[in-house]
Amino acid sequence: ERQAAAEAAEARRARQLAEEEARAVKESSEAASKAAVDAVAETRKKHKEVMSFMGGRVEALESRLAAHSERSQALLIREAYAGQEMRRELLALQRQLLHSARQRYAQRHGMKPISVSEIADDEPYLLEVHRRYQELKQEATQHHASS
């Protein structure tokens, strides 16, 4: 009977140890599972933070690019306008030069042909207009070539 009681006690202890070991394995498994879930959650959180930061950077870069693009367009518009103004001034000077030359020719020489030196003697202003016309024409050519 003693031996049977000792074996029964040994069996109970073995069962208790097995149950404790099973409980420990289960608890450690649950802890590991919880740690894995927490690690995944933390990784997702970090990923969201990084993506948010990068998204902010991307938005800032897009904003800077848009502002630069707007400034570039404004400069191009101003340059085009300046080019148009230059062309208008050139046309006005051409008309002025032609009109002045025709008036002087008609007033002073009638049907007689007029030379450049005669115009220079008669009208220094006309040569100044012509010189300004040549300058503007050169500026317009340079402006057009740089565009």
Protein backbone atom coordinates (compact mmCIF):
# COMPACT_ATOMS: atom_id res chain seq x y z
CA GLU A 1 0.00 0.00 0.00
CA ARG A 2 2.83 2.31 0.81
CA GLN A 3 4.40 1.69 -2.51
CA ALA A 4 1.10 2.29 -4.28
CA ALA A 5 0.61 5.48 -2.25
CA ALA A 6 4.17 6.60 -3.10
CA GLU A 7 3.61 5.87 -6.79
CA ALA A 8 0.30 7.73 -6.69
CA ALA A 9 2.03 10.69 -4.97
CA GLU A 10 4.80 10.55 -7.59
CA ALA A 11 2.22 10.45 -10.37
CA ARG A 12 0.41 13.48 -8.84
CA ARG A 13 3.70 15.41 -8.63
CA ALA A 14 4.55 14.46 -12.21
CA ARG A 15 1.07 15.58 -13.32
CA GLN A 16 1.43 18.87 -11.37
CA LEU A 17 4.87 19.46 -12.90
CA ALA A 18 3.46 18.72 -16.37
CA GLU A 19 0.53 21.08 -15.72
CA GLU A 20 2.86 23.80 -14.42
CA GLU A 21 5.15 23.31 -17.40
CA ALA A 22 2.14 23.46 -19.76
CA ARG A 23 0.94 26.64 -18.00
CA ALA A 24 4.43 28.18 -18.26
CA VAL A 25 4.64 27.26 -21.95
CA LYS A 26 1.15 28.71 -22.53
CA GLU A 27 2.00 31.92 -20.63
CA SER A 28 5.30 32.36 -22.45
CA SER A 29 3.55 31.64 -25.75
CA GLU A 30 0.88 34.25 -24.93
CA ALA A 31 3.58 36.73 -23.89
CA ALA A 32 5.54 36.09 -27.10
CA SER A 33 2.35 36.46 -29.13
CA LYS A 34 1.49 39.71 -27.35
CA ALA A 35 5.06 40.97 -27.89
CA ALA A 36 4.80 40.14 -31.60
CA VAL A 37 1.45 41.94 -31.87
CA ASP A 38 2.93 44.94 -30.01
CA ALA A 39 5.99 44.91 -32.28
CA VAL A 40 3.77 44.86 -35.39
CA ALA A 41 1.67 47.72 -33.97
CA GLU A 42 4.81 49.71 -33.14
CA THR A 43 6.20 49.05 -36.63
CA ARG A 44 2.93 50.24 -38.18
CA LYS A 45 2.98 53.33 -35.98
CA LYS A 46 6.58 54.11 -36.99
CA HIS A 47 5.71 53.46 -40.64
CA LYS A 48 2.79 55.90 -40.39
CA GLU A 49 5.04 58.50 -38.74
CA VAL A 50 7.67 58.10 -41.46
CA MET A 51 5.06 58.23 -44.21
CA SER A 52 3.48 61.29 -42.62
CA PHE A 53 6.89 62.97 -42.38
CA MET A 54 7.75 62.03 -45.96
CA GLY A 55 4.30 63.12 -47.10
CA GLY A 56 4.92 66.49 -45.48
CA ARG A 57 8.29 66.72 -47.19
CA VAL A 58 6.75 65.78 -50.52
CA GLU A 59 3.99 68.37 -50.05
CA ALA A 60 6.58 71.00 -49.15
CA LEU A 61 8.63 70.14 -52.23
CA GLU A 62 5.52 70.19 -54.43
CA SER A 63 4.60 73.57 -52.98
CA ARG A 64 8.09 74.94 -53.63
CA LEU A 65 8.02 73.53 -57.16
CA ALA A 66 4.62 75.12 -57.82
CA ALA A 67 5.85 78.48 -56.51
CA HIS A 68 8.98 78.23 -58.67
CA SER A 69 6.84 77.32 -61.68
CA GLU A 70 4.56 80.30 -61.05
CA ARG A 71 7.57 82.63 -60.76
CA SER A 72 9.03 81.19 -63.97
CA GLN A 73 5.74 81.69 -65.80
CA ALA A 74 5.49 85.25 -64.50
CA LEU A 75 9.05 85.96 -65.71
CA LEU A 76 8.29 84.48 -69.12
CA ILE A 77 5.13 86.58 -69.38
CA ARG A 78 7.05 89.72 -68.37
CA GLU A 79 9.79 88.94 -70.91
CA ALA A 80 7.21 88.34 -73.64
CA TYR A 81 5.49 91.61 -72.73
CA ALA A 82 8.83 93.45 -72.75
CA GLY A 83 9.55 91.93 -76.16
CA GLN A 84 6.16 93.12 -77.45
CA GLU A 85 6.78 96.59 -76.05
CA MET A 86 10.19 96.64 -77.73
CA ARG A 87 8.63 95.58 -81.05
CA ARG A 88 5.95 98.30 -80.69
CA GLU A 89 8.65 100.90 -80.03
CA LEU A 90 10.63 99.68 -83.02
CA LEU A 91 7.58 99.93 -85.27
CA ALA A 92 6.81 103.42 -83.95
CA LEU A 93 10.40 104.52 -84.61
CA GLN A 94 10.31 103.01 -88.10
CA ARG A 95 7.08 104.87 -88.87
CA GLN A 96 8.53 108.06 -87.40
CA LEU A 97 11.71 107.69 -89.44
CA LEU A 98 9.84 106.99 -92.66
CA HIS A 99 7.34 109.80 -92.10
CA SER A 100 10.08 112.31 -91.28
CA ALA A 101 12.13 111.27 -94.30
CA ARG A 102 9.10 111.56 -96.59
CA GLN A 103 8.19 114.97 -95.17
CA ARG A 104 11.69 116.36 -95.61
CA TYR A 105 11.96 114.92 -99.07
CA ALA A 106 8.62 116.37 -100.14
CA GLN A 107 9.21 119.76 -98.48
CA ARG A 108 12.77 120.44 -99.56
CA HIS A 109 13.50 118.42 -102.64
CA GLY A 110 10.27 117.77 -104.45
CA MET A 111 10.97 114.97 -106.92
CA LYS A 112 14.75 115.21 -106.57
CA PRO A 113 16.31 112.12 -104.92
CA ILE A 114 17.81 112.76 -101.49
CA SER A 115 21.04 111.27 -100.17
CA VAL A 116 21.79 110.14 -96.63
CA SER A 117 24.32 112.95 -96.24
CA GLU A 118 21.68 115.51 -97.22
CA ILE A 119 19.34 114.04 -94.59
CA ALA A 120 22.17 114.25 -92.06
CA ASP A 121 22.74 117.90 -92.93
CA ASP A 122 19.05 118.71 -92.83
CA GLU A 123 17.88 116.59 -89.90
CA PRO A 124 20.22 115.48 -87.07
CA TYR A 125 17.12 114.34 -85.20
CA LEU A 126 16.36 111.84 -87.96
CA LEU A 127 19.76 110.20 -87.50
CA GLU A 128 19.17 110.00 -83.73
CA VAL A 129 15.84 108.27 -84.38
CA HIS A 130 17.55 105.89 -86.80
CA ARG A 131 20.36 105.19 -84.29
CA ARG A 132 17.79 104.44 -81.55
CA TYR A 133 15.91 102.22 -83.98
CA GLN A 134 19.10 100.23 -84.68
CA GLU A 135 19.78 99.87 -80.92
CA LEU A 136 16.27 98.63 -80.21
CA LYS A 137 16.41 96.29 -83.18
CA GLN A 138 19.66 94.81 -81.85
CA GLU A 139 18.20 94.50 -78.32
CA ALA A 140 15.12 92.77 -79.71
CA THR A 141 17.30 90.37 -81.69
CA GLN A 142 19.39 89.58 -78.60
CA HIS A 143 16.25 89.21 -76.46
CA HIS A 144 14.66 86.90 -79.03
CA ALA A 145 17.88 84.84 -79.31
CA SER A 146 18.12 84.44 -75.50
CA SER A 147 14.47 83.33 -75.23
